Protein backbone atom coordinates (compact mmCIF):
# COMPACT_ATOMS: atom_id res chain seq x y z
CA MET A 1 -7.82 -24.71 -6.39
CA THR A 2 -10.55 -24.32 -3.79
CA THR A 3 -12.77 -21.34 -3.14
CA THR A 4 -13.29 -19.83 0.30
CA GLU A 5 -16.66 -19.00 1.77
CA TYR A 6 -16.05 -15.40 0.64
CA GLY A 7 -15.74 -16.37 -3.03
CA ARG A 8 -11.96 -15.94 -3.23
CA ASN A 9 -9.39 -18.54 -4.13
CA ALA A 10 -7.91 -20.31 -1.15
CA VAL A 11 -4.17 -19.96 -0.61
CA GLU A 12 -2.20 -23.10 -1.36
CA THR A 13 -0.52 -24.18 1.85
CA SER A 14 0.99 -27.52 0.85
CA VAL A 15 4.69 -28.04 1.36
CA VAL A 16 6.72 -27.19 -1.73
CA THR A 17 10.40 -27.84 -2.20
CA ALA A 18 12.69 -24.86 -2.67
CA LEU A 19 13.68 -26.12 -6.13
CA GLY A 20 10.25 -25.99 -7.72
CA PRO A 21 9.49 -24.94 -11.27
CA ARG A 22 10.18 -21.41 -12.40
CA PRO A 23 7.31 -19.04 -11.60
CA VAL A 24 4.72 -18.46 -14.30
CA THR A 25 4.01 -14.86 -15.19
CA ARG A 26 1.86 -13.35 -17.88
CA ARG A 27 5.01 -11.84 -19.38
CA PRO A 28 7.81 -14.39 -19.89
CA GLU A 29 10.47 -11.66 -19.78
CA LEU A 30 9.61 -11.13 -16.09
CA THR A 31 10.37 -14.71 -15.03
CA ASP A 32 13.90 -13.90 -13.83
CA THR A 33 12.65 -10.84 -11.95
CA THR A 34 9.92 -12.91 -10.30
CA SER A 35 12.43 -15.61 -9.33
CA ALA A 36 14.69 -13.01 -7.69
CA ILE A 37 11.71 -11.57 -5.80
CA ILE A 38 10.74 -15.05 -4.57
CA ASP A 39 14.29 -15.67 -3.38
CA GLU A 40 14.30 -12.45 -1.36
CA LEU A 41 10.86 -13.04 0.14
CA ARG A 42 11.65 -16.65 0.94
CA SER A 43 14.49 -15.57 3.22
CA ALA A 44 12.03 -13.49 5.24
CA TYR A 45 8.96 -15.77 5.24
CA LEU A 46 10.10 -19.37 4.87
CA ASP A 47 9.81 -20.03 8.61
CA VAL A 48 6.17 -18.93 8.46
CA LEU A 49 4.82 -19.82 5.00
CA PRO A 50 5.59 -22.53 2.44
CA THR A 51 7.51 -21.63 -0.70
CA GLY A 52 4.41 -22.19 -2.84
CA VAL A 53 2.50 -19.47 -1.01
CA ILE A 54 5.44 -17.07 -1.22
CA ALA A 55 5.77 -17.75 -4.97
CA GLN A 56 2.04 -17.24 -5.50
CA TYR A 57 2.03 -13.85 -3.80
CA ALA A 58 5.23 -12.75 -5.55
CA GLY A 59 3.82 -13.71 -8.95
CA GLN A 60 0.57 -11.90 -8.24
CA ALA A 61 2.45 -8.76 -7.21
CA VAL A 62 4.55 -8.80 -10.37
CA ASN A 63 1.49 -9.34 -12.56
CA ASP A 64 -0.47 -6.60 -10.78
CA LEU A 65 2.30 -4.03 -11.11
CA SER A 66 4.01 -4.91 -14.40
CA SER A 67 1.71 -2.87 -16.61
CA SER A 68 1.56 0.20 -14.40
CA ILE A 69 5.16 0.98 -13.37
CA CYS A 70 8.52 1.11 -15.12
CA ILE A 71 10.49 -2.11 -15.28
CA GLU A 72 13.35 -0.67 -13.22
CA ALA A 73 11.04 -0.05 -10.25
CA LEU A 74 9.18 -3.35 -10.57
CA PRO A 75 11.34 -5.54 -8.29
CA GLU A 76 11.29 -3.13 -5.35
CA MET A 77 7.60 -2.33 -5.67
CA ALA A 78 6.60 -5.97 -6.15
CA ILE A 79 8.55 -6.96 -3.05
CA ARG A 80 6.78 -4.27 -1.05
CA LEU A 81 3.35 -5.28 -2.33
CA ALA A 82 4.00 -8.98 -1.75
CA ARG A 83 5.24 -8.27 1.80
CA VAL A 84 2.04 -6.37 2.63
CA ARG A 85 -0.08 -9.20 1.26
CA LEU A 86 1.98 -11.91 2.96
CA ASP A 87 1.82 -10.09 6.30
CA ALA A 88 -1.96 -9.83 5.89
CA GLN A 89 -2.13 -13.56 5.12
CA ILE A 90 -0.11 -14.36 8.23
CA GLY A 91 -2.38 -12.10 10.29
CA ARG A 92 -5.49 -13.89 9.00
CA ALA A 93 -3.95 -17.28 9.69
CA THR A 94 -3.01 -16.42 13.27
CA ALA A 95 -6.35 -14.70 13.98
CA GLY A 96 -8.42 -17.65 12.79
């Protein structure tokens, strides 16, 4: 993974097939939830971003929220958080 000039990890933008490995989360019991979130986000963002980027942002959202909200609310909240972050990524890409 490369680091940007701002000290953050660069977003992976290589082409990834839709049938990649299952997403890795810190909590294995959230793998199915993360996969479902990726599937939903992919339908909205696949024309703009590769599957690998979508999976990365979905996994980060699940990991960021999993310890602070109830499991029933996790899918909806993680989708919302990932959408905000993906939209920001698209905005940075089109601005630069």
